[in-house]
Amino acid sequence: MINIPSEPQINRAIPLALLVVAVGALSSAYTAQYAFGLEPCILCLYQRVPYAIVGLLGIVGYLVSGDAARRWVTALAALSFAIGAGLAFYHIGVEQHWWASAASCGGGDVSGAKVTVDQFKALLQQKPEKACDEIDWTLFGISMATYNAVASSGLAVIALVAWKRLGKTNEKDQ
């Protein structure tokens, strides 16, 4: 016999699911960086922020009581995932040279700027930033930014569905 969890148990599991997704995504990013030596560019680092926010929201959502508070947490998570999808799509555009990045993605033009010899020596000793249009790794010809855009978009939709579900639970309680 299958034991189906009650609605309050499922509603309490939504914040835990948010936390698991955030930890999984960030673990993957840090594993790629530190275990496999894939250096992230500034846009890659920016794409981690929405997952960190979702992780914090998951913790808050689990600790608060009541579906109304969890509904707000889920709505903010959906917004965070949507922003993450937008950042990832922007990064795809930079990778594909559809547009130039507004972020400081490697290089940097110092022409016209007065640089002293000491400043120039310091610049030479610094490790250059990774360019955002360099793709270090692909799977089936698809970059990590593209996978993140798809994942973040899907997670935003799933979070919206969960938000709507929590709203229906609140309507039943009233």
N, C-alpha and C. Protein backbone atom coordinates (compact mmCIF):
# COMPACT_ATOMS: atom_id res chain seq x y z
N MET A 1 0.84 -1.17 0.00
CA MET A 1 0.00 0.00 0.00
C MET A 1 0.89 1.24 0.00
N ILE A 2 0.58 2.19 -0.85
CA ILE A 2 1.36 3.43 -0.96
C ILE A 2 0.84 4.44 0.04
N ASN A 3 1.77 5.00 0.80
CA ASN A 3 1.42 6.02 1.78
C ASN A 3 1.58 7.39 1.13
N ILE A 4 0.48 8.06 0.86
CA ILE A 4 0.51 9.38 0.23
C ILE A 4 0.59 10.43 1.33
N PRO A 5 1.60 11.31 1.25
CA PRO A 5 1.73 12.34 2.29
C PRO A 5 0.55 13.31 2.27
N SER A 6 0.26 13.84 3.44
CA SER A 6 -0.84 14.81 3.55
C SER A 6 -0.42 16.13 2.93
N GLU A 7 -1.40 16.97 2.66
CA GLU A 7 -1.13 18.26 2.03
C GLU A 7 -0.20 19.14 2.86
N PRO A 8 -0.38 19.24 4.19
CA PRO A 8 0.58 20.04 4.97
C PRO A 8 2.01 19.52 4.87
N GLN A 9 2.17 18.18 4.79
CA GLN A 9 3.52 17.63 4.65
C GLN A 9 4.13 18.02 3.31
N ILE A 10 3.33 17.99 2.26
CA ILE A 10 3.82 18.37 0.94
C ILE A 10 4.16 19.86 0.93
N ASN A 11 3.31 20.69 1.51
CA ASN A 11 3.56 22.13 1.55
C ASN A 11 4.82 22.45 2.34
N ARG A 12 5.09 21.68 3.37
CA ARG A 12 6.32 21.89 4.16
C ARG A 12 7.54 21.39 3.38
N ALA A 13 7.33 20.48 2.45
CA ALA A 13 8.44 19.94 1.66
C ALA A 13 8.89 20.90 0.56
N ILE A 14 8.06 21.83 0.18
CA ILE A 14 8.42 22.76 -0.89
C ILE A 14 9.68 23.56 -0.54
N PRO A 15 9.77 24.16 0.66
CA PRO A 15 11.01 24.87 0.99
C PRO A 15 12.23 23.94 1.04
N LEU A 16 12.03 22.71 1.49
CA LEU A 16 13.14 21.76 1.49
C LEU A 16 13.60 21.46 0.06
N ALA A 17 12.65 21.35 -0.85
CA ALA A 17 13.00 21.12 -2.25
C ALA A 17 13.79 22.30 -2.81
N LEU A 18 13.40 23.52 -2.43
CA LEU A 18 14.15 24.70 -2.86
C LEU A 18 15.59 24.64 -2.34
N LEU A 19 15.75 24.26 -1.09
CA LEU A 19 17.08 24.17 -0.50
C LEU A 19 17.91 23.09 -1.21
N VAL A 20 17.31 21.95 -1.49
CA VAL A 20 18.03 20.86 -2.15
C VAL A 20 18.48 21.28 -3.55
N VAL A 21 17.61 21.95 -4.28
CA VAL A 21 17.96 22.42 -5.63
C VAL A 21 19.12 23.42 -5.56
N ALA A 22 19.04 24.35 -4.62
CA ALA A 22 20.10 25.36 -4.49
C ALA A 22 21.44 24.71 -4.12
N VAL A 23 21.42 23.82 -3.16
CA VAL A 23 22.65 23.15 -2.75
C VAL A 23 23.21 22.31 -3.90
N GLY A 24 22.34 21.64 -4.63
CA GLY A 24 22.78 20.84 -5.78
C GLY A 24 23.42 21.68 -6.86
N ALA A 25 22.79 22.79 -7.20
CA ALA A 25 23.33 23.66 -8.25
C ALA A 25 24.66 24.28 -7.83
N LEU A 26 24.71 24.79 -6.60
CA LEU A 26 25.96 25.40 -6.14
C LEU A 26 27.07 24.36 -5.97
N SER A 27 26.71 23.17 -5.53
CA SER A 27 27.71 22.09 -5.42
C SER A 27 28.28 21.74 -6.79
N SER A 28 27.42 21.69 -7.79
CA SER A 28 27.88 21.41 -9.15
C SER A 28 28.83 22.49 -9.64
N ALA A 29 28.48 23.73 -9.38
CA ALA A 29 29.33 24.84 -9.83
C ALA A 29 30.69 24.82 -9.14
N TYR A 30 30.68 24.61 -7.82
CA TYR A 30 31.95 24.60 -7.09
C TYR A 30 32.78 23.35 -7.42
N THR A 31 32.12 22.24 -7.70
CA THR A 31 32.84 21.03 -8.11
C THR A 31 33.52 21.26 -9.45
N ALA A 32 32.79 21.87 -10.38
CA ALA A 32 33.39 22.17 -11.69
C ALA A 32 34.59 23.10 -11.53
N GLN A 33 34.47 24.04 -10.61
CA GLN A 33 35.54 25.01 -10.42
C GLN A 33 36.75 24.40 -9.71
N TYR A 34 36.53 23.77 -8.58
CA TYR A 34 37.66 23.33 -7.76
C TYR A 34 38.13 21.91 -8.06
N ALA A 35 37.23 21.00 -8.43
CA ALA A 35 37.66 19.63 -8.71
C ALA A 35 38.14 19.46 -10.15
N PHE A 36 37.51 20.20 -11.08
CA PHE A 36 37.85 20.03 -12.49
C PHE A 36 38.59 21.23 -13.08
N GLY A 37 38.84 22.26 -12.28
CA GLY A 37 39.65 23.38 -12.72
C GLY A 37 39.00 24.29 -13.75
N LEU A 38 37.68 24.31 -13.83
CA LEU A 38 37.00 25.21 -14.77
C LEU A 38 36.84 26.57 -14.10
N GLU A 39 37.60 27.53 -14.59
CA GLU A 39 37.60 28.86 -13.99
C GLU A 39 36.33 29.61 -14.41
N PRO A 40 35.57 30.12 -13.43
CA PRO A 40 34.37 30.87 -13.78
C PRO A 40 34.69 32.32 -14.14
N CYS A 41 33.93 32.86 -15.07
CA CYS A 41 34.03 34.29 -15.36
C CYS A 41 33.10 35.03 -14.42
N ILE A 42 33.08 36.32 -14.50
CA ILE A 42 32.24 37.12 -13.60
C ILE A 42 30.74 36.82 -13.80
N LEU A 43 30.33 36.57 -15.06
CA LEU A 43 28.92 36.23 -15.30
C LEU A 43 28.57 34.87 -14.71
N CYS A 44 29.51 33.93 -14.72
CA CYS A 44 29.29 32.63 -14.08
C CYS A 44 29.06 32.84 -12.58
N LEU A 45 29.86 33.70 -11.98
CA LEU A 45 29.73 33.97 -10.55
C LEU A 45 28.39 34.64 -10.25
N TYR A 46 27.98 35.56 -11.11
CA TYR A 46 26.68 36.22 -10.92
C TYR A 46 25.54 35.22 -10.97
N GLN A 47 25.68 34.17 -11.79
CA GLN A 47 24.61 33.19 -11.93
C GLN A 47 24.47 32.31 -10.69
N ARG A 48 25.44 32.33 -9.82
CA ARG A 48 25.36 31.56 -8.58
C ARG A 48 24.51 32.27 -7.53
N VAL A 49 24.41 33.57 -7.62
CA VAL A 49 23.72 34.37 -6.61
C VAL A 49 22.24 33.98 -6.48
N PRO A 50 21.48 33.85 -7.57
CA PRO A 50 20.08 33.45 -7.39
C PRO A 50 19.92 32.10 -6.67
N TYR A 51 20.83 31.16 -6.92
CA TYR A 51 20.74 29.88 -6.22
C TYR A 51 21.03 30.04 -4.73
N ALA A 52 21.97 30.91 -4.39
CA ALA A 52 22.25 31.17 -2.97
C ALA A 52 21.02 31.80 -2.30
N ILE A 53 20.38 32.71 -3.01
CA ILE A 53 19.17 33.34 -2.48
C ILE A 53 18.07 32.30 -2.29
N VAL A 54 17.90 31.43 -3.28
CA VAL A 54 16.88 30.37 -3.17
C VAL A 54 17.18 29.45 -1.99
N GLY A 55 18.46 29.15 -1.78
CA GLY A 55 18.83 28.33 -0.62
C GLY A 55 18.43 28.99 0.69
N LEU A 56 18.70 30.28 0.81
CA LEU A 56 18.29 31.01 2.02
C LEU A 56 16.77 31.06 2.15
N LEU A 57 16.09 31.26 1.03
CA LEU A 57 14.62 31.26 1.06
C LEU A 57 14.08 29.89 1.49
N GLY A 58 14.73 28.83 1.04
CA GLY A 58 14.32 27.48 1.43
C GLY A 58 14.44 27.28 2.93
N ILE A 59 15.52 27.78 3.51
CA ILE A 59 15.71 27.67 4.96
C ILE A 59 14.64 28.47 5.68
N VAL A 60 14.42 29.71 5.24
CA VAL A 60 13.40 30.56 5.86
C VAL A 60 12.02 29.92 5.73
N GLY A 61 11.71 29.41 4.54
CA GLY A 61 10.41 28.78 4.31
C GLY A 61 10.19 27.56 5.17
N TYR A 62 11.25 26.84 5.46
CA TYR A 62 11.11 25.66 6.31
C TYR A 62 10.91 26.06 7.77
N LEU A 63 11.55 27.14 8.18
CA LEU A 63 11.49 27.55 9.58
C LEU A 63 10.20 28.29 9.94
N VAL A 64 9.60 28.97 8.98
CA VAL A 64 8.37 29.71 9.28
C VAL A 64 7.19 28.75 9.28
N SER A 65 6.16 29.14 9.99
CA SER A 65 4.96 28.30 9.99
C SER A 65 3.88 28.99 9.18
N GLY A 66 3.08 28.22 8.56
CA GLY A 66 1.96 28.75 7.80
C GLY A 66 2.23 28.77 6.31
N ASP A 67 1.19 28.41 5.57
CA ASP A 67 1.31 28.35 4.13
C ASP A 67 1.41 29.72 3.49
N ALA A 68 0.87 30.76 4.14
CA ALA A 68 0.96 32.10 3.56
C ALA A 68 2.42 32.55 3.48
N ALA A 69 3.18 32.30 4.54
CA ALA A 69 4.60 32.67 4.53
C ALA A 69 5.36 31.83 3.51
N ARG A 70 5.04 30.53 3.45
CA ARG A 70 5.70 29.66 2.46
C ARG A 70 5.34 30.09 1.05
N ARG A 71 4.16 30.60 0.88
CA ARG A 71 3.74 31.07 -0.45
C ARG A 71 4.61 32.26 -0.88
N TRP A 72 4.87 33.18 0.03
CA TRP A 72 5.74 34.31 -0.28
C TRP A 72 7.16 33.84 -0.61
N VAL A 73 7.65 32.91 0.18
CA VAL A 73 8.99 32.36 -0.05
C VAL A 73 9.06 31.72 -1.43
N THR A 74 8.03 30.97 -1.79
CA THR A 74 8.00 30.29 -3.08
C THR A 74 7.92 31.30 -4.23
N ALA A 75 7.15 32.36 -4.04
CA ALA A 75 7.06 33.40 -5.07
C ALA A 75 8.40 34.09 -5.26
N LEU A 76 9.10 34.38 -4.16
CA LEU A 76 10.42 35.01 -4.26
C LEU A 76 11.43 34.05 -4.89
N ALA A 77 11.29 32.77 -4.62
CA ALA A 77 12.18 31.78 -5.25
C ALA A 77 11.93 31.73 -6.75
N ALA A 78 10.66 31.78 -7.15
CA ALA A 78 10.34 31.79 -8.59
C ALA A 78 10.95 33.02 -9.26
N LEU A 79 10.84 34.16 -8.59
CA LEU A 79 11.45 35.39 -9.12
C LEU A 79 12.97 35.25 -9.22
N SER A 80 13.57 34.68 -8.20
CA SER A 80 15.02 34.49 -8.20
C SER A 80 15.45 33.55 -9.33
N PHE A 81 14.72 32.47 -9.53
CA PHE A 81 15.02 31.56 -10.64
C PHE A 81 14.87 32.27 -11.98
N ALA A 82 13.84 33.11 -12.12
CA ALA A 82 13.62 33.84 -13.37
C ALA A 82 14.77 34.82 -13.63
N ILE A 83 15.23 35.48 -12.59
CA ILE A 83 16.37 36.39 -12.73
C ILE A 83 17.61 35.59 -13.12
N GLY A 84 17.79 34.43 -12.49
CA GLY A 84 18.91 33.55 -12.85
C GLY A 84 18.85 33.11 -14.30
N ALA A 85 17.65 32.82 -14.79
CA ALA A 85 17.49 32.45 -16.20
C ALA A 85 17.86 33.62 -17.10
N GLY A 86 17.47 34.83 -16.70
CA GLY A 86 17.82 36.02 -17.47
C GLY A 86 19.32 36.24 -17.51
N LEU A 87 19.99 36.07 -16.37
CA LEU A 87 21.45 36.20 -16.33
C LEU A 87 22.12 35.15 -17.22
N ALA A 88 21.61 33.93 -17.16
CA ALA A 88 22.19 32.86 -17.98
C ALA A 88 21.97 33.14 -19.46
N PHE A 89 20.78 33.62 -19.82
CA PHE A 89 20.52 33.95 -21.23
C PHE A 89 21.44 35.08 -21.68
N TYR A 90 21.64 36.07 -20.83
CA TYR A 90 22.57 37.16 -21.15
C TYR A 90 23.97 36.60 -21.39
N HIS A 91 24.39 35.66 -20.54
CA HIS A 91 25.71 35.04 -20.68
C HIS A 91 25.80 34.26 -22.00
N ILE A 92 24.73 33.59 -22.38
CA ILE A 92 24.72 32.87 -23.66
C ILE A 92 24.95 33.87 -24.80
N GLY A 93 24.30 35.01 -24.73
CA GLY A 93 24.48 36.04 -25.76
C GLY A 93 25.91 36.53 -25.85
N VAL A 94 26.57 36.64 -24.70
CA VAL A 94 27.98 37.05 -24.69
C VAL A 94 28.84 35.93 -25.29
N GLU A 95 28.55 34.69 -24.89
CA GLU A 95 29.31 33.56 -25.43
C GLU A 95 29.18 33.44 -26.96
N GLN A 96 27.99 33.71 -27.45
CA GLN A 96 27.73 33.57 -28.88
C GLN A 96 28.04 34.84 -29.67
N HIS A 97 28.53 35.86 -28.97
CA HIS A 97 28.87 37.16 -29.56
C HIS A 97 27.66 37.85 -30.19
N TRP A 98 26.49 37.66 -29.55
CA TRP A 98 25.30 38.38 -29.99
C TRP A 98 25.38 39.82 -29.49
N TRP A 99 26.07 40.02 -28.37
CA TRP A 99 26.28 41.35 -27.80
C TRP A 99 27.53 41.30 -26.92
N ALA A 100 28.03 42.47 -26.60
CA ALA A 100 29.20 42.57 -25.72
C ALA A 100 28.71 42.61 -24.28
N SER A 101 29.53 42.14 -23.38
CA SER A 101 29.15 42.12 -21.98
C SER A 101 29.34 43.48 -21.34
N ALA A 102 28.40 43.85 -20.50
CA ALA A 102 28.53 45.08 -19.73
C ALA A 102 29.38 44.84 -18.49
N ALA A 103 29.52 43.57 -18.10
CA ALA A 103 30.35 43.22 -16.94
C ALA A 103 31.82 43.27 -17.34
N SER A 104 32.68 43.39 -16.35
CA SER A 104 34.12 43.42 -16.66
C SER A 104 34.58 41.99 -16.89
N CYS A 105 34.50 41.56 -18.12
CA CYS A 105 34.81 40.17 -18.47
C CYS A 105 36.17 40.07 -19.13
N GLY A 106 37.21 40.10 -18.34
CA GLY A 106 38.55 39.92 -18.87
C GLY A 106 39.03 41.11 -19.65
N GLY A 107 40.27 41.12 -19.88
CA GLY A 107 40.87 42.20 -20.67
C GLY A 107 40.75 43.52 -19.94
N GLY A 108 40.14 44.45 -20.55
CA GLY A 108 40.05 45.78 -19.99
C GLY A 108 40.97 46.69 -20.77
N ASP A 109 40.43 47.73 -21.28
CA ASP A 109 41.20 48.65 -22.12
C ASP A 109 41.85 49.70 -21.25
N VAL A 110 43.17 49.75 -21.29
CA VAL A 110 43.88 50.78 -20.54
C VAL A 110 44.46 51.83 -21.49
N SER A 111 44.10 51.77 -22.74
CA SER A 111 44.61 52.76 -23.68
C SER A 111 44.05 54.13 -23.32
N GLY A 112 44.88 55.10 -23.36
CA GLY A 112 44.45 56.45 -23.01
C GLY A 112 44.57 56.74 -21.53
N ALA A 113 44.69 55.68 -20.72
CA ALA A 113 44.83 55.89 -19.28
C ALA A 113 46.32 56.03 -18.96
N LYS A 114 46.62 56.94 -18.06
CA LYS A 114 48.01 57.13 -17.66
C LYS A 114 48.32 56.12 -16.56
N VAL A 115 49.26 55.22 -16.90
CA VAL A 115 49.65 54.16 -15.98
C VAL A 115 51.13 54.34 -15.66
N THR A 116 51.42 54.33 -14.38
CA THR A 116 52.82 54.44 -13.99
C THR A 116 53.52 53.10 -14.20
N VAL A 117 54.83 53.12 -14.14
CA VAL A 117 55.61 51.89 -14.32
C VAL A 117 55.25 50.89 -13.23
N ASP A 118 55.10 51.37 -11.98
CA ASP A 118 54.74 50.47 -10.88
C ASP A 118 53.35 49.87 -11.08
N GLN A 119 52.40 50.67 -11.55
CA GLN A 119 51.06 50.16 -11.82
C GLN A 119 51.09 49.14 -12.95
N PHE A 120 51.91 49.40 -13.97
CA PHE A 120 52.02 48.48 -15.09
C PHE A 120 52.63 47.15 -14.63
N LYS A 121 53.64 47.20 -13.77
CA LYS A 121 54.24 45.98 -13.22
C LYS A 121 53.20 45.19 -12.42
N ALA A 122 52.40 45.90 -11.63
CA ALA A 122 51.37 45.24 -10.85
C ALA A 122 50.33 44.58 -11.77
N LEU A 123 49.96 45.26 -12.85
CA LEU A 123 49.02 44.69 -13.82
C LEU A 123 49.57 43.43 -14.46
N LEU A 124 50.86 43.42 -14.75
CA LEU A 124 51.48 42.25 -15.36
C LEU A 124 51.52 41.05 -14.42
N GLN A 125 51.60 41.31 -13.12
CA GLN A 125 51.66 40.22 -12.15
C GLN A 125 50.30 39.67 -11.78
N GLN A 126 49.24 40.41 -12.09
CA GLN A 126 47.89 39.95 -11.78
C GLN A 126 47.48 38.87 -12.77
N LYS A 127 46.70 37.94 -12.25
CA LYS A 127 46.13 36.92 -13.12
C LYS A 127 44.99 37.59 -13.89
N PRO A 128 44.97 37.47 -15.22
CA PRO A 128 43.90 38.12 -15.97
C PRO A 128 42.55 37.47 -15.70
N GLU A 129 41.51 38.29 -15.72
CA GLU A 129 40.15 37.77 -15.54
C GLU A 129 39.80 36.88 -16.72
N LYS A 130 38.99 35.88 -16.43
CA LYS A 130 38.53 34.99 -17.50
C LYS A 130 37.52 35.75 -18.34
N ALA A 131 37.69 35.67 -19.64
CA ALA A 131 36.75 36.33 -20.55
C ALA A 131 35.41 35.59 -20.54
N CYS A 132 34.33 36.34 -20.55
CA CYS A 132 32.99 35.75 -20.48
C CYS A 132 32.56 35.08 -21.78
N ASP A 133 33.26 35.37 -22.86
CA ASP A 133 32.88 34.73 -24.12
C ASP A 133 33.68 33.46 -24.39
N GLU A 134 34.56 33.08 -23.48
CA GLU A 134 35.31 31.83 -23.60
C GLU A 134 34.48 30.70 -23.00
N ILE A 135 34.25 29.66 -23.77
CA ILE A 135 33.50 28.51 -23.29
C ILE A 135 34.51 27.41 -22.99
N ASP A 136 34.65 27.07 -21.70
CA ASP A 136 35.63 26.07 -21.28
C ASP A 136 35.12 24.64 -21.44
N TRP A 137 33.82 24.44 -21.30
CA TRP A 137 33.29 23.08 -21.25
C TRP A 137 31.92 23.06 -21.93
N THR A 138 31.70 22.01 -22.70
CA THR A 138 30.37 21.80 -23.29
C THR A 138 30.02 20.32 -23.18
N LEU A 139 28.76 20.04 -23.21
CA LEU A 139 28.25 18.68 -23.31
C LEU A 139 27.27 18.68 -24.47
N PHE A 140 27.56 17.89 -25.49
CA PHE A 140 26.78 17.87 -26.73
C PHE A 140 26.76 19.24 -27.40
N GLY A 141 27.85 20.00 -27.24
CA GLY A 141 27.96 21.31 -27.85
C GLY A 141 27.20 22.41 -27.12
N ILE A 142 26.73 22.11 -25.93
CA ILE A 142 25.93 23.08 -25.17
C ILE A 142 26.72 23.51 -23.94
N SER A 143 26.82 24.82 -23.74
CA SER A 143 27.61 25.37 -22.64
C SER A 143 26.86 25.27 -21.31
N MET A 144 27.62 25.46 -20.23
CA MET A 144 27.00 25.44 -18.90
C MET A 144 25.99 26.57 -18.74
N ALA A 145 26.26 27.72 -19.35
CA ALA A 145 25.32 28.84 -19.26
C ALA A 145 23.99 28.46 -19.91
N THR A 146 24.04 27.72 -21.00
CA THR A 146 22.81 27.29 -21.68
C THR A 146 22.05 26.30 -20.81
N TYR A 147 22.76 25.34 -20.22
CA TYR A 147 22.10 24.40 -19.32
C TYR A 147 21.47 25.14 -18.14
N ASN A 148 22.18 26.14 -17.63
CA ASN A 148 21.64 26.91 -16.52
C ASN A 148 20.41 27.71 -16.93
N ALA A 149 20.41 28.26 -18.14
CA ALA A 149 19.23 29.01 -18.61
C ALA A 149 18.01 28.10 -18.67
N VAL A 150 18.19 26.90 -19.18
CA VAL A 150 17.08 25.95 -19.27
C VAL A 150 16.64 25.51 -17.88
N ALA A 151 17.61 25.16 -17.02
CA ALA A 151 17.28 24.71 -15.67
C ALA A 151 16.59 25.81 -14.87
N SER A 152 17.14 27.01 -14.92
CA SER A 152 16.55 28.12 -14.15
C SER A 152 15.15 28.46 -14.65
N SER A 153 14.95 28.41 -15.96
CA SER A 153 13.61 28.68 -16.51
C SER A 153 12.63 27.62 -16.04
N GLY A 154 13.03 26.36 -16.12
CA GLY A 154 12.16 25.28 -15.66
C GLY A 154 11.86 25.37 -14.18
N LEU A 155 12.88 25.70 -13.39
CA LEU A 155 12.68 25.83 -11.95
C LEU A 155 11.77 27.02 -11.61
N ALA A 156 11.86 28.08 -12.39
CA ALA A 156 10.96 29.22 -12.18
C ALA A 156 9.52 28.79 -12.42
N VAL A 157 9.28 28.02 -13.47
CA VAL A 157 7.92 27.54 -13.77
C VAL A 157 7.44 26.61 -12.66
N ILE A 158 8.30 25.69 -12.23
CA ILE A 158 7.93 24.76 -11.15
C ILE A 158 7.61 25.53 -9.87
N ALA A 159 8.42 26.53 -9.54
CA ALA A 159 8.16 27.33 -8.34
C ALA A 159 6.86 28.10 -8.46
N LEU A 160 6.53 28.57 -9.66
CA LEU A 160 5.24 29.25 -9.86
C LEU A 160 4.07 28.28 -9.66
N VAL A 161 4.22 27.07 -10.15
CA VAL A 161 3.18 26.05 -9.95
C VAL A 161 3.02 25.76 -8.45
N ALA A 162 4.13 25.63 -7.74
CA ALA A 162 4.08 25.40 -6.29
C ALA A 162 3.44 26.59 -5.58
N TRP A 163 3.76 27.80 -6.03
CA TRP A 163 3.16 29.01 -5.45
C TRP A 163 1.64 28.99 -5.63
N LYS A 164 1.22 28.62 -6.83
CA LYS A 164 -0.22 28.55 -7.11
C LYS A 164 -0.88 27.47 -6.26
N ARG A 165 -0.20 26.35 -6.11
CA ARG A 165 -0.73 25.25 -5.30
C ARG A 165 -0.89 25.68 -3.84
N LEU A 166 0.10 26.39 -3.32
CA LEU A 166 0.00 26.90 -1.96
C LEU A 166 -1.16 27.88 -1.82
N GLY A 167 -1.43 28.65 -2.87
CA GLY A 167 -2.56 29.58 -2.85
C GLY A 167 -3.88 28.85 -2.77
N LYS A 168 -3.98 27.73 -3.49
CA LYS A 168 -5.21 26.93 -3.43
C LYS A 168 -5.39 26.30 -2.06
N THR A 169 -4.29 25.93 -1.41
CA THR A 169 -4.36 25.39 -0.05
C THR A 169 -4.88 26.46 0.90
N ASN A 170 -4.41 27.70 0.73
CA ASN A 170 -4.89 28.80 1.59
C ASN A 170 -6.37 29.05 1.38
N GLU A 171 -6.85 28.92 0.12
CA GLU A 171 -8.27 29.14 -0.15
C GLU A 171 -9.13 28.07 0.53
N LYS A 172 -8.64 26.82 0.57
CA LYS A 172 -9.36 25.73 1.21
C LYS A 172 -9.47 25.96 2.72
N ASP A 173 -8.41 26.55 3.30
CA ASP A 173 -8.38 26.75 4.75
C ASP A 173 -9.32 27.86 5.19
N GLN A 174 -9.70 28.74 4.28
CA GLN A 174 -10.53 29.89 4.69
C GLN A 174 -11.99 29.59 4.63
